[in-house]
Amino acid sequence: MMPAHPTNRIGWNLPMPAAPARLRRTGIASRPRGLVAVLSGLLLWTIGPGCGGGQRQTAKSEGIHYTAVAEGEVWFRHSAIQIRFDRELYCSVFSRQDGQLLALSHNPPDPTLARPSHFIAVEGQEVLDFYVDYRNIGLSEVRGRFGPGKRLKITGLGETEENILIEKTMVVEFYEAYPDIAMIWAVYRNPDLERPIRITRITNQFFRMDASLTDPQASRHGLQCFHYDQLVHGEGTKPLLDLDFARTVTTASPGFARVAFWNSVMGMTVASRPPEAGRLTIPVETARDRRLEVSFRYDLDRILEPEEELVGPKGFVMVYEGDYGSGLAREKAMMGGE
């Protein structure tokens, strides 16, 4: 059974630019995005997995599984947290509460504001759209320090303005004992057989937060926030953030750096590890559409030789009821008190 339709309307990330010609020739991005994506999404909500061309994949447990609609959305589902990727690997995070899906994160239809959760810059130019190869989605069993779980891999191809192809694989892990937490990271590969590429920035965990998704009476920026090392808020609307709020933190600490947002309905924490060398920048600010933006940015100068890959820093996303303290308690339980 599919979960109940969300109580709030979540954007479908439309419209976005058409796929580059070279990607269309590969067959990965062979259809217009707009109508197909909307119809695929509505189909997924209406008839559930296993019908109408959708796929449902499970391993040993029904508790963790993914569903995919050809040329449409891919969902990775646990009992509390659910993650949705669209056909260009833009990510949305949901919390299942009392049979309903809730979300604080929002991907807008405005392409000048929309960003995927993980992306890179090549020679200073951001590469955002990676078109999913639906033939290359895999679910496998994992077992490690967090116990048994499942790993989903989704691969897509992107292209720079200079027609250089880049492959991105999103990796998400769910663990049976932690149904509200997802480990997540990206792997980038240079599929060219001759040309190297120069990566100048990695951006992880980019999310746009919107309090009105769970509370229609709230302002979009009306959230409380814990930014890396302290509770932060606006000057005129304590304890909520102001319209002109902006704060940036840098760190080289080896542990997870985290940012949490919450209101009376739900909370969401995003985190990422700093790179092995260099510093991590964590900006949080109110955008021009009054939504809050958070990301983890790593500036670097890394040459990827032909067929070489770069594994981005790992991070996690957590959903919960209550304030940041609730999320911190769950994180400590998962990390064994670290």
C-alpha atoms as a PDB file:
ATOM      1  CA  MET A   1       0.000   0.000   0.000  1.00  0.00           C
ATOM      2  CA  MET A   2       1.135   3.507  -0.760  1.00  0.00           C
ATOM      3  CA  PRO A   3       1.163   5.996   2.114  1.00  0.00           C
ATOM      4  CA  ALA A   4      -1.597   8.555   2.275  1.00  0.00           C
ATOM      5  CA  HIS A   5      -1.205  11.624   0.101  1.00  0.00           C
ATOM      6  CA  PRO A   6       0.724  14.368   1.921  1.00  0.00           C
ATOM      7  CA  THR A   7      -1.355  16.861   3.860  1.00  0.00           C
ATOM      8  CA  ASN A   8       0.638  19.619   2.190  1.00  0.00           C
ATOM      9  CA  ARG A   9       1.239  20.037  -1.521  1.00  0.00           C
ATOM     10  CA  ILE A  10       4.863  19.448  -2.420  1.00  0.00           C
ATOM     11  CA  GLY A  11       6.226  21.005  -5.619  1.00  0.00           C
ATOM     12  CA  TRP A  12       7.148  18.730  -8.512  1.00  0.00           C
ATOM     13  CA  ASN A  13      10.382  20.686  -9.269  1.00  0.00           C
ATOM     14  CA  LEU A  14       8.976  22.033 -12.553  1.00  0.00           C
ATOM     15  CA  PRO A  15       9.852  23.387 -15.023  1.00  0.00           C
ATOM     16  CA  MET A  16      13.525  22.669 -15.609  1.00  0.00           C
ATOM     17  CA  PRO A  17      15.741  23.037 -18.673  1.00  0.00           C
ATOM     18  CA  ALA A  18      15.532  20.400 -21.373  1.00  0.00           C
ATOM     19  CA  ALA A  19      18.232  17.754 -21.400  1.00  0.00           C
ATOM     20  CA  PRO A  20      21.385  18.654 -23.322  1.00  0.00           C
ATOM     21  CA  ALA A  21      21.470  17.262 -26.837  1.00  0.00           C
ATOM     22  CA  ARG A  22      24.312  14.886 -26.072  1.00  0.00           C
ATOM     23  CA  LEU A  23      22.324  13.353 -23.193  1.00  0.00           C
ATOM     24  CA  ARG A  24      19.243  13.021 -25.371  1.00  0.00           C
ATOM     25  CA  ARG A  25      21.329  11.023 -27.807  1.00  0.00           C
ATOM     26  CA  THR A  26      22.229   8.580 -25.011  1.00  0.00           C
ATOM     27  CA  GLY A  27      18.530   7.819 -24.451  1.00  0.00           C
ATOM     28  CA  ILE A  28      18.707   8.823 -20.785  1.00  0.00           C
ATOM     29  CA  ALA A  29      16.786  12.045 -21.302  1.00  0.00           C
ATOM     30  CA  SER A  30      14.617  11.248 -24.285  1.00  0.00           C
ATOM     31  CA  ARG A  31      11.337  12.867 -23.240  1.00  0.00           C
ATOM     32  CA  PRO A  32      10.216  16.382 -22.255  1.00  0.00           C
ATOM     33  CA  ARG A  33      10.402  16.712 -18.501  1.00  0.00           C
ATOM     34  CA  GLY A  34       7.320  18.705 -17.580  1.00  0.00           C
ATOM     35  CA  LEU A  35       4.199  16.742 -18.449  1.00  0.00           C
ATOM     36  CA  VAL A  36       5.891  13.354 -18.168  1.00  0.00           C
ATOM     37  CA  ALA A  37       7.167  14.102 -14.671  1.00  0.00           C
ATOM     38  CA  VAL A  38       3.802  15.359 -13.464  1.00  0.00           C
ATOM     39  CA  LEU A  39       1.909  12.403 -14.909  1.00  0.00           C
ATOM     40  CA  SER A  40       4.461   9.964 -13.510  1.00  0.00           C
ATOM     41  CA  GLY A  41       4.174  11.540 -10.080  1.00  0.00           C
ATOM     42  CA  LEU A  42       0.378  11.458 -10.118  1.00  0.00           C
ATOM     43  CA  LEU A  43       0.478   7.862 -11.299  1.00  0.00           C
ATOM     44  CA  LEU A  44       2.777   6.924  -8.450  1.00  0.00           C
ATOM     45  CA  TRP A  45       0.450   8.479  -5.868  1.00  0.00           C
ATOM     46  CA  THR A  46      -2.686   7.049  -7.450  1.00  0.00           C
ATOM     47  CA  ILE A  47      -1.980   3.417  -8.175  1.00  0.00           C
ATOM     48  CA  GLY A  48       1.020   2.626  -6.013  1.00  0.00           C
ATOM     49  CA  PRO A  49       4.010   0.407  -6.798  1.00  0.00           C
ATOM     50  CA  GLY A  50       3.943  -2.596  -9.045  1.00  0.00           C
ATOM     51  CA  CYS A  51       1.444  -1.164 -11.536  1.00  0.00           C
ATOM     52  CA  GLY A  52       1.457   0.997 -14.633  1.00  0.00           C
ATOM     53  CA  GLY A  53       5.139   0.428 -15.431  1.00  0.00           C
ATOM     54  CA  GLY A  54       6.377   1.087 -11.897  1.00  0.00           C
ATOM     55  CA  GLN A  55       8.875  -1.169 -10.165  1.00  0.00           C
ATOM     56  CA  ARG A  56       8.979  -2.291  -6.568  1.00  0.00           C
ATOM     57  CA  GLN A  57      12.193  -3.768  -5.259  1.00  0.00           C
ATOM     58  CA  THR A  58      12.678  -5.315  -1.831  1.00  0.00           C
ATOM     59  CA  ALA A  59      15.391  -7.350  -0.204  1.00  0.00           C
ATOM     60  CA  LYS A  60      14.611  -9.443   2.888  1.00  0.00           C
ATOM     61  CA  SER A  61      12.273  -6.991   4.579  1.00  0.00           C
ATOM     62  CA  GLU A  62       9.204  -5.078   3.449  1.00  0.00           C
ATOM     63  CA  GLY A  63      10.221  -2.297   5.829  1.00  0.00           C
ATOM     64  CA  ILE A  64      12.788  -0.867   3.410  1.00  0.00           C
ATOM     65  CA  HIS A  65      12.136  -0.772  -0.343  1.00  0.00           C
ATOM     66  CA  TYR A  66      12.226   1.467  -3.366  1.00  0.00           C
ATOM     67  CA  THR A  67       9.736   2.219  -6.099  1.00  0.00           C
ATOM     68  CA  ALA A  68      10.465   3.661  -9.530  1.00  0.00           C
ATOM     69  CA  VAL A  69       8.318   4.906 -12.386  1.00  0.00           C
ATOM     70  CA  ALA A  70       9.975   4.852 -15.816  1.00  0.00           C
ATOM     71  CA  GLU A  71      10.978   8.413 -16.799  1.00  0.00           C
ATOM     72  CA  GLY A  72       9.593   9.566 -13.451  1.00  0.00           C
ATOM     73  CA  GLU A  73      10.271   9.488  -9.732  1.00  0.00           C
ATOM     74  CA  VAL A  74      12.299   7.105  -7.614  1.00  0.00           C
ATOM     75  CA  TRP A  75      11.278   6.674  -3.960  1.00  0.00           C
ATOM     76  CA  PHE A  76      13.335   5.037  -1.216  1.00  0.00           C
ATOM     77  CA  ARG A  77      11.068   4.223   1.710  1.00  0.00           C
ATOM     78  CA  HIS A  78      11.529   3.401   5.368  1.00  0.00           C
ATOM     79  CA  SER A  79       8.824   3.424   8.013  1.00  0.00           C
ATOM     80  CA  ALA A  80       9.602   7.000   9.148  1.00  0.00           C
ATOM     81  CA  ILE A  81      11.827   8.667   6.537  1.00  0.00           C
ATOM     82  CA  GLN A  82      11.181   8.585   2.797  1.00  0.00           C
ATOM     83  CA  ILE A  83      13.351  10.120   0.075  1.00  0.00           C
ATOM     84  CA  ARG A  84      12.221  11.012  -3.429  1.00  0.00           C
ATOM     85  CA  PHE A  85      14.440  11.653  -6.460  1.00  0.00           C
ATOM     86  CA  ASP A  86      13.040  13.099  -9.665  1.00  0.00           C
ATOM     87  CA  ARG A  87      14.391  12.236 -13.099  1.00  0.00           C
ATOM     88  CA  GLU A  88      17.195  14.797 -12.749  1.00  0.00           C
ATOM     89  CA  LEU A  89      18.280  13.576  -9.291  1.00  0.00           C
ATOM     90  CA  TYR A  90      16.724  16.461  -7.360  1.00  0.00           C
ATOM     91  CA  CYS A  91      15.951  15.222  -3.855  1.00  0.00           C
ATOM     92  CA  SER A  92      13.043  15.724  -1.436  1.00  0.00           C
ATOM     93  CA  VAL A  93      12.823  14.353   2.115  1.00  0.00           C
ATOM     94  CA  PHE A  94       9.590  13.302   3.839  1.00  0.00           C
ATOM     95  CA  SER A  95       8.557  12.229   7.317  1.00  0.00           C
ATOM     96  CA  ARG A  96       5.776   9.667   7.715  1.00  0.00           C
ATOM     97  CA  GLN A  97       3.601  10.491  10.715  1.00  0.00           C
ATOM     98  CA  ASP A  98       0.262   8.816  11.455  1.00  0.00           C
ATOM     99  CA  GLY A  99      -0.031   7.536   7.889  1.00  0.00           C
ATOM    100  CA  GLN A 100       0.660  10.930   6.311  1.00  0.00           C
ATOM    101  CA  LEU A 101       3.733  12.318   4.573  1.00  0.00           C
ATOM    102  CA  LEU A 102       5.074  15.640   5.816  1.00  0.00           C
ATOM    103  CA  ALA A 103       7.984  17.697   4.547  1.00  0.00           C
ATOM    104  CA  LEU A 104       9.935  20.812   5.441  1.00  0.00           C
ATOM    105  CA  SER A 105      12.063  20.808   2.266  1.00  0.00           C
ATOM    106  CA  HIS A 106      10.800  22.222  -1.019  1.00  0.00           C
ATOM    107  CA  ASN A 107      12.117  22.296  -4.585  1.00  0.00           C
ATOM    108  CA  PRO A 108      10.566  25.259  -6.426  1.00  0.00           C
ATOM    109  CA  PRO A 109       9.510  25.448 -10.084  1.00  0.00           C
ATOM    110  CA  ASP A 110      11.819  28.458 -10.511  1.00  0.00           C
ATOM    111  CA  PRO A 111      15.010  27.024 -12.103  1.00  0.00           C
ATOM    112  CA  THR A 112      17.055  29.950 -10.771  1.00  0.00           C
ATOM    113  CA  LEU A 113      16.312  28.794  -7.210  1.00  0.00           C
ATOM    114  CA  ALA A 114      16.101  25.009  -7.565  1.00  0.00           C
ATOM    115  CA  ARG A 115      19.175  22.945  -6.759  1.00  0.00           C
ATOM    116  CA  PRO A 116      19.727  19.213  -6.239  1.00  0.00           C
ATOM    117  CA  SER A 117      20.900  18.073  -2.828  1.00  0.00           C
ATOM    118  CA  HIS A 118      24.374  17.181  -4.181  1.00  0.00           C
ATOM    119  CA  PHE A 119      26.194  18.813  -7.096  1.00  0.00           C
ATOM    120  CA  ILE A 120      29.607  20.008  -8.235  1.00  0.00           C
ATOM    121  CA  ALA A 121      31.222  22.927 -10.026  1.00  0.00           C
ATOM    122  CA  VAL A 122      33.560  22.266 -12.950  1.00  0.00           C
ATOM    123  CA  GLU A 123      35.934  25.172 -13.658  1.00  0.00           C
ATOM    124  CA  GLY A 124      33.626  27.307 -11.520  1.00  0.00           C
ATOM    125  CA  GLN A 125      30.459  26.338 -13.421  1.00  0.00           C
ATOM    126  CA  GLU A 126      27.752  24.511 -11.457  1.00  0.00           C
ATOM    127  CA  VAL A 127      26.489  21.267 -12.972  1.00  0.00           C
ATOM    128  CA  LEU A 128      23.005  20.687 -11.550  1.00  0.00           C
ATOM    129  CA  ASP A 129      20.972  18.348 -13.751  1.00  0.00           C
ATOM    130  CA  PHE A 130      21.951  14.674 -13.861  1.00  0.00           C
ATOM    131  CA  TYR A 131      19.491  12.603 -15.880  1.00  0.00           C
ATOM    132  CA  VAL A 132      18.693   9.256 -14.283  1.00  0.00           C
ATOM    133  CA  ASP A 133      19.682   6.063 -16.052  1.00  0.00           C
ATOM    134  CA  TYR A 134      16.691   3.927 -15.033  1.00  0.00           C
ATOM    135  CA  ARG A 135      18.537   0.806 -16.170  1.00  0.00           C
ATOM    136  CA  ASN A 136      21.170   1.480 -13.544  1.00  0.00           C
ATOM    137  CA  ILE A 137      19.270   1.582 -10.225  1.00  0.00           C
ATOM    138  CA  GLY A 138      20.361  -0.973  -7.660  1.00  0.00           C
ATOM    139  CA  LEU A 139      19.295  -2.084  -4.172  1.00  0.00           C
ATOM    140  CA  SER A 140      21.633  -4.187  -2.045  1.00  0.00           C
ATOM    141  CA  GLU A 141      22.000  -5.445   1.510  1.00  0.00           C
ATOM    142  CA  VAL A 142      24.461  -3.704   3.837  1.00  0.00           C
ATOM    143  CA  ARG A 143      25.650  -4.577   7.330  1.00  0.00           C
ATOM    144  CA  GLY A 144      28.021  -2.450   9.384  1.00  0.00           C
ATOM    145  CA  ARG A 145      28.330  -0.531  12.635  1.00  0.00           C
ATOM    146  CA  PHE A 146      24.653   0.484  12.406  1.00  0.00           C
ATOM    147  CA  GLY A 147      23.429  -3.071  11.866  1.00  0.00           C
ATOM    148  CA  PRO A 148      21.617  -4.498   8.837  1.00  0.00           C
ATOM    149  CA  GLY A 149      20.118  -2.250   6.221  1.00  0.00           C
ATOM    150  CA  LYS A 150      19.834  -1.535   2.515  1.00  0.00           C
ATOM    151  CA  ARG A 151      21.717   0.664   0.068  1.00  0.00           C
ATOM    152  CA  LEU A 152      20.149   2.318  -2.962  1.00  0.00           C
ATOM    153  CA  LYS A 153      22.307   3.557  -5.843  1.00  0.00           C
ATOM    154  CA  ILE A 154      20.938   5.813  -8.589  1.00  0.00           C
ATOM    155  CA  THR A 155      23.198   6.951 -11.426  1.00  0.00           C
ATOM    156  CA  GLY A 156      22.684   9.893 -13.753  1.00  0.00           C
ATOM    157  CA  LEU A 157      24.597  11.810 -16.412  1.00  0.00           C
ATOM    158  CA  GLY A 158      25.184  15.551 -16.494  1.00  0.00           C
ATOM    159  CA  GLU A 159      26.921  17.836 -18.968  1.00  0.00           C
ATOM    160  CA  THR A 160      28.889  21.071 -18.758  1.00  0.00           C
ATOM    161  CA  GLU A 161      28.491  23.967 -21.168  1.00  0.00           C
ATOM    162  CA  GLU A 162      31.595  22.650 -22.909  1.00  0.00           C
ATOM    163  CA  ASN A 163      29.805  19.340 -23.585  1.00  0.00           C
ATOM    164  CA  ILE A 164      31.840  17.406 -21.045  1.00  0.00           C
ATOM    165  CA  LEU A 165      29.862  14.519 -19.567  1.00  0.00           C
ATOM    166  CA  ILE A 166      29.949  13.827 -15.823  1.00  0.00           C
ATOM    167  CA  GLU A 167      28.439  10.809 -14.071  1.00  0.00           C
ATOM    168  CA  LYS A 168      26.887  11.163 -10.611  1.00  0.00           C
ATOM    169  CA  THR A 169      25.757   8.275  -8.435  1.00  0.00           C
ATOM    170  CA  MET A 170      23.598   9.054  -5.420  1.00  0.00           C
ATOM    171  CA  VAL A 171      24.048   6.548  -2.599  1.00  0.00           C
ATOM    172  CA  VAL A 172      21.464   6.298   0.207  1.00  0.00           C
ATOM    173  CA  GLU A 173      21.532   3.836   3.087  1.00  0.00           C
ATOM    174  CA  PHE A 174      18.648   2.969   5.404  1.00  0.00           C
ATOM    175  CA  TYR A 175      19.178   0.841   8.513  1.00  0.00           C
ATOM    176  CA  GLU A 176      16.520  -1.340  10.094  1.00  0.00           C
ATOM    177  CA  ALA A 177      17.208  -0.046  13.617  1.00  0.00           C
ATOM    178  CA  TYR A 178      17.054   3.647  12.583  1.00  0.00           C
ATOM    179  CA  PRO A 179      13.920   4.203  10.486  1.00  0.00           C
ATOM    180  CA  ASP A 180      14.184   8.004  10.770  1.00  0.00           C
ATOM    181  CA  ILE A 181      17.761   8.419   9.481  1.00  0.00           C
ATOM    182  CA  ALA A 182      19.286   8.172   5.999  1.00  0.00           C
ATOM    183  CA  MET A 183      23.007   8.140   5.282  1.00  0.00           C
ATOM    184  CA  ILE A 184      23.577   9.883   1.947  1.00  0.00           C
ATOM    185  CA  TRP A 185      26.467  10.853  -0.325  1.00  0.00           C
ATOM    186  CA  ALA A 186      27.408  11.295  -3.981  1.00  0.00           C
ATOM    187  CA  VAL A 187      30.095   9.750  -6.174  1.00  0.00           C
ATOM    188  CA  TYR A 188      31.260  11.614  -9.301  1.00  0.00           C
ATOM    189  CA  ARG A 189      33.054   9.980 -12.220  1.00  0.00           C
ATOM    190  CA  ASN A 190      34.663  11.300 -15.361  1.00  0.00           C
ATOM    191  CA  PRO A 191      33.346   8.924 -18.069  1.00  0.00           C
ATOM    192  CA  ASP A 192      35.409  10.529 -20.828  1.00  0.00           C
ATOM    193  CA  LEU A 193      38.150   8.320 -22.244  1.00  0.00           C
ATOM    194  CA  GLU A 194      40.456  11.225 -23.108  1.00  0.00           C
ATOM    195  CA  ARG A 195      39.700  14.532 -21.386  1.00  0.00           C
ATOM    196  CA  PRO A 196      40.300  15.282 -17.688  1.00  0.00           C
ATOM    197  CA  ILE A 197      37.945  17.604 -15.797  1.00  0.00           C
ATOM    198  CA  ARG A 198      38.730  20.096 -13.023  1.00  0.00           C
ATOM    199  CA  ILE A 199      36.339  20.140 -10.061  1.00  0.00           C
ATOM    200  CA  THR A 200      36.397  23.396  -8.094  1.00  0.00           C
ATOM    201  CA  ARG A 201      33.556  22.900  -5.596  1.00  0.00           C
ATOM    202  CA  ILE A 202      31.434  20.150  -4.094  1.00  0.00           C
ATOM    203  CA  THR A 203      28.058  21.082  -2.585  1.00  0.00           C
ATOM    204  CA  ASN A 204      26.339  18.574  -0.306  1.00  0.00           C
ATOM    205  CA  GLN A 205      22.996  18.600   1.455  1.00  0.00           C
ATOM    206  CA  PHE A 206      21.480  21.611  -0.291  1.00  0.00           C
ATOM    207  CA  PHE A 207      17.899  21.964   0.918  1.00  0.00           C
ATOM    208  CA  ARG A 208      15.306  24.739   0.818  1.00  0.00           C
ATOM    209  CA  MET A 209      13.213  24.746   3.982  1.00  0.00           C
ATOM    210  CA  ASP A 210       9.597  25.934   4.107  1.00  0.00           C
ATOM    211  CA  ALA A 211       7.614  25.981   7.367  1.00  0.00           C
ATOM    212  CA  SER A 212       4.312  26.583   5.556  1.00  0.00           C
ATOM    213  CA  LEU A 213       4.412  23.061   4.105  1.00  0.00           C
ATOM    214  CA  THR A 214       3.475  21.650   7.507  1.00  0.00           C
ATOM    215  CA  ASP A 215       1.666  24.725   8.879  1.00  0.00           C
ATOM    216  CA  PRO A 216      -0.223  26.760   6.222  1.00  0.00           C
ATOM    217  CA  GLN A 217      -0.554  29.663   8.683  1.00  0.00           C
ATOM    218  CA  ALA A 218       3.207  29.944   9.182  1.00  0.00           C
ATOM    219  CA  SER A 219       5.573  32.090   7.185  1.00  0.00           C
ATOM    220  CA  ARG A 220       7.911  30.146   4.925  1.00  0.00           C
ATOM    221  CA  HIS A 221      10.943  31.173   6.968  1.00  0.00           C
ATOM    222  CA  GLY A 222       9.149  30.649  10.296  1.00  0.00           C
ATOM    223  CA  LEU A 223      11.440  27.939  11.660  1.00  0.00           C
ATOM    224  CA  GLN A 224      13.800  27.537  14.551  1.00  0.00           C
ATOM    225  CA  CYS A 225      17.352  26.630  13.658  1.00  0.00           C
ATOM    226  CA  PHE A 226      20.422  25.044  15.211  1.00  0.00           C
ATOM    227  CA  HIS A 227      23.363  26.008  12.994  1.00  0.00           C
ATOM    228  CA  TYR A 228      26.428  23.840  13.587  1.00  0.00           C
ATOM    229  CA  ASP A 229      27.249  24.894  17.148  1.00  0.00           C
ATOM    230  CA  GLN A 230      24.467  27.100  18.452  1.00  0.00           C
ATOM    231  CA  LEU A 231      20.802  27.980  18.369  1.00  0.00           C
ATOM    232  CA  VAL A 232      20.269  30.924  16.026  1.00  0.00           C
ATOM    233  CA  HIS A 233      17.315  33.205  15.412  1.00  0.00           C
ATOM    234  CA  GLY A 234      16.294  36.585  14.095  1.00  0.00           C
ATOM    235  CA  GLU A 235      16.513  39.792  16.073  1.00  0.00           C
ATOM    236  CA  GLY A 236      12.917  40.915  15.663  1.00  0.00           C
ATOM    237  CA  THR A 237      11.013  37.634  15.654  1.00  0.00           C
ATOM    238  CA  LYS A 238      12.652  35.513  18.342  1.00  0.00           C
ATOM    239  CA  PRO A 239      13.011  32.586  18.295  1.00  0.00           C
ATOM    240  CA  LEU A 240      12.228  32.407  14.546  1.00  0.00           C
ATOM    241  CA  LEU A 241      14.500  33.486  11.720  1.00  0.00           C
ATOM    242  CA  ASP A 242      14.103  36.906  10.100  1.00  0.00           C
ATOM    243  CA  LEU A 243      13.544  37.628   6.406  1.00  0.00           C
ATOM    244  CA  ASP A 244      17.084  38.960   6.040  1.00  0.00           C
ATOM    245  CA  PHE A 245      18.720  36.212   8.093  1.00  0.00           C
ATOM    246  CA  ALA A 246      22.128  35.017   6.867  1.00  0.00           C
ATOM    247  CA  ARG A 247      24.857  33.181   8.783  1.00  0.00           C
ATOM    248  CA  THR A 248      27.896  31.253   7.566  1.00  0.00           C
ATOM    249  CA  VAL A 249      30.116  28.931   9.582  1.00  0.00           C
ATOM    250  CA  THR A 250      33.424  27.353   8.514  1.00  0.00           C
ATOM    251  CA  THR A 251      34.993  24.309  10.136  1.00  0.00           C
ATOM    252  CA  ALA A 252      37.747  21.761   9.662  1.00  0.00           C
ATOM    253  CA  SER A 253      36.578  19.461  12.472  1.00  0.00           C
ATOM    254  CA  PRO A 254      36.658  15.750  11.526  1.00  0.00           C
ATOM    255  CA  GLY A 255      33.222  15.057  13.014  1.00  0.00           C
ATOM    256  CA  PHE A 256      29.816  15.556  11.444  1.00  0.00           C
ATOM    257  CA  ALA A 257      28.755  19.177  11.069  1.00  0.00           C
ATOM    258  CA  ARG A 258      24.984  19.600  11.334  1.00  0.00           C
ATOM    259  CA  VAL A 259      22.138  22.052  10.838  1.00  0.00           C
ATOM    260  CA  ALA A 260      18.641  21.446  12.211  1.00  0.00           C
ATOM    261  CA  PHE A 261      15.309  23.109  11.449  1.00  0.00           C
ATOM    262  CA  TRP A 262      12.036  22.492  13.239  1.00  0.00           C
ATOM    263  CA  ASN A 263       8.579  23.796  14.085  1.00  0.00           C
ATOM    264  CA  SER A 264       5.703  22.409  16.149  1.00  0.00           C
ATOM    265  CA  VAL A 265       4.973  19.700  13.551  1.00  0.00           C
ATOM    266  CA  MET A 266       8.332  18.172  12.616  1.00  0.00           C
ATOM    267  CA  GLY A 267      12.072  18.620  12.600  1.00  0.00           C
ATOM    268  CA  MET A 268      14.779  17.841  10.052  1.00  0.00           C
ATOM    269  CA  THR A 269      18.532  17.649  10.594  1.00  0.00           C
ATOM    270  CA  VAL A 270      21.073  17.593   7.751  1.00  0.00           C
ATOM    271  CA  ALA A 271      24.749  16.840   8.317  1.00  0.00           C
ATOM    272  CA  SER A 272      27.972  16.249   6.438  1.00  0.00           C
ATOM    273  CA  ARG A 273      31.590  15.459   7.239  1.00  0.00           C
ATOM    274  CA  PRO A 274      34.325  17.963   6.369  1.00  0.00           C
ATOM    275  CA  PRO A 275      36.781  16.940   3.648  1.00  0.00           C
ATOM    276  CA  GLU A 276      40.029  15.191   4.488  1.00  0.00           C
ATOM    277  CA  ALA A 277      41.888  18.374   3.602  1.00  0.00           C
ATOM    278  CA  GLY A 278      40.530  21.908   3.540  1.00  0.00           C
ATOM    279  CA  ARG A 279      37.579  23.587   5.171  1.00  0.00           C
ATOM    280  CA  LEU A 280      33.829  23.160   5.089  1.00  0.00           C
ATOM    281  CA  THR A 281      31.575  26.200   4.663  1.00  0.00           C
ATOM    282  CA  ILE A 282      27.989  25.993   5.954  1.00  0.00           C
ATOM    283  CA  PRO A 283      25.783  28.917   4.879  1.00  0.00           C
ATOM    284  CA  VAL A 284      22.176  29.308   6.043  1.00  0.00           C
ATOM    285  CA  GLU A 285      20.138  32.202   4.679  1.00  0.00           C
ATOM    286  CA  THR A 286      16.668  33.386   3.735  1.00  0.00           C
ATOM    287  CA  ALA A 287      16.276  33.416  -0.055  1.00  0.00           C
ATOM    288  CA  ARG A 288      14.301  35.952  -2.064  1.00  0.00           C
ATOM    289  CA  ASP A 289      11.192  33.724  -2.017  1.00  0.00           C
ATOM    290  CA  ARG A 290      11.353  33.702   1.823  1.00  0.00           C
ATOM    291  CA  ARG A 291      12.426  30.067   2.087  1.00  0.00           C
ATOM    292  CA  LEU A 292      15.527  29.080   4.050  1.00  0.00           C
ATOM    293  CA  GLU A 293      18.491  27.606   2.221  1.00  0.00           C
ATOM    294  CA  VAL A 294      21.157  25.396   3.770  1.00  0.00           C
ATOM    295  CA  SER A 295      24.159  23.686   2.178  1.00  0.00           C
ATOM    296  CA  PHE A 296      27.605  22.265   2.927  1.00  0.00           C
ATOM    297  CA  ARG A 297      30.254  23.574   0.516  1.00  0.00           C
ATOM    298  CA  TYR A 298      33.755  22.274  -0.112  1.00  0.00           C
ATOM    299  CA  ASP A 299      36.083  24.377  -2.262  1.00  0.00           C
ATOM    300  CA  LEU A 300      38.843  22.357  -3.892  1.00  0.00           C
ATOM    301  CA  ASP A 301      41.020  22.059  -6.950  1.00  0.00           C
ATOM    302  CA  ARG A 302      40.797  18.452  -8.040  1.00  0.00           C
ATOM    303  CA  ILE A 303      41.587  17.039 -11.474  1.00  0.00           C
ATOM    304  CA  LEU A 304      39.565  13.960 -12.397  1.00  0.00           C
ATOM    305  CA  GLU A 305      41.433  11.976 -14.996  1.00  0.00           C
ATOM    306  CA  PRO A 306      39.525   9.942 -17.612  1.00  0.00           C
ATOM    307  CA  GLU A 307      37.399   7.251 -15.913  1.00  0.00           C
ATOM    308  CA  GLU A 308      38.532   8.411 -12.445  1.00  0.00           C
ATOM    309  CA  GLU A 309      35.951   8.889  -9.684  1.00  0.00           C
ATOM    310  CA  LEU A 310      35.635  11.140  -6.653  1.00  0.00           C
ATOM    311  CA  VAL A 311      33.683   9.996  -3.586  1.00  0.00           C
ATOM    312  CA  GLY A 312      32.064  12.972  -1.878  1.00  0.00           C
ATOM    313  CA  PRO A 313      31.988  13.341   1.921  1.00  0.00           C
ATOM    314  CA  LYS A 314      29.274  11.282   3.599  1.00  0.00           C
ATOM    315  CA  GLY A 315      26.368  12.859   5.401  1.00  0.00           C
ATOM    316  CA  PHE A 316      22.998  12.046   6.871  1.00  0.00           C
ATOM    317  CA  VAL A 317      19.430  13.349   6.931  1.00  0.00           C
ATOM    318  CA  MET A 318      17.109  12.796   9.890  1.00  0.00           C
ATOM    319  CA  VAL A 319      13.409  13.520  10.462  1.00  0.00           C
ATOM    320  CA  TYR A 320      11.656  13.617  13.828  1.00  0.00           C
ATOM    321  CA  GLU A 321       8.900  15.119  15.933  1.00  0.00           C
ATOM    322  CA  GLY A 322       9.914  17.753  18.445  1.00  0.00           C
ATOM    323  CA  ASP A 323      12.813  20.174  18.582  1.00  0.00           C
ATOM    324  CA  TYR A 324      16.506  19.755  17.846  1.00  0.00           C
ATOM    325  CA  GLY A 325      17.002  17.912  21.135  1.00  0.00           C
ATOM    326  CA  SER A 326      14.914  15.035  19.831  1.00  0.00           C
ATOM    327  CA  GLY A 327      17.109  14.732  16.769  1.00  0.00           C
ATOM    328  CA  LEU A 328      20.317  14.997  18.777  1.00  0.00           C
ATOM    329  CA  ALA A 329      19.205  12.164  21.070  1.00  0.00           C
ATOM    330  CA  ARG A 330      18.537   9.928  18.068  1.00  0.00           C
ATOM    331  CA  GLU A 331      21.868  10.839  16.516  1.00  0.00           C
ATOM    332  CA  LYS A 332      23.740  10.006  19.720  1.00  0.00           C
ATOM    333  CA  ALA A 333      21.946   6.648  19.915  1.00  0.00           C
ATOM    334  CA  MET A 334      22.948   5.853  16.356  1.00  0.00           C
ATOM    335  CA  MET A 335      26.572   6.958  16.806  1.00  0.00           C
ATOM    336  CA  GLY A 336      26.976   5.046  20.058  1.00  0.00           C
ATOM    337  CA  GLY A 337      27.243   8.163  22.194  1.00  0.00           C
ATOM    338  CA  GLU A 338      29.855   9.911  20.016  1.00  0.00           C
END
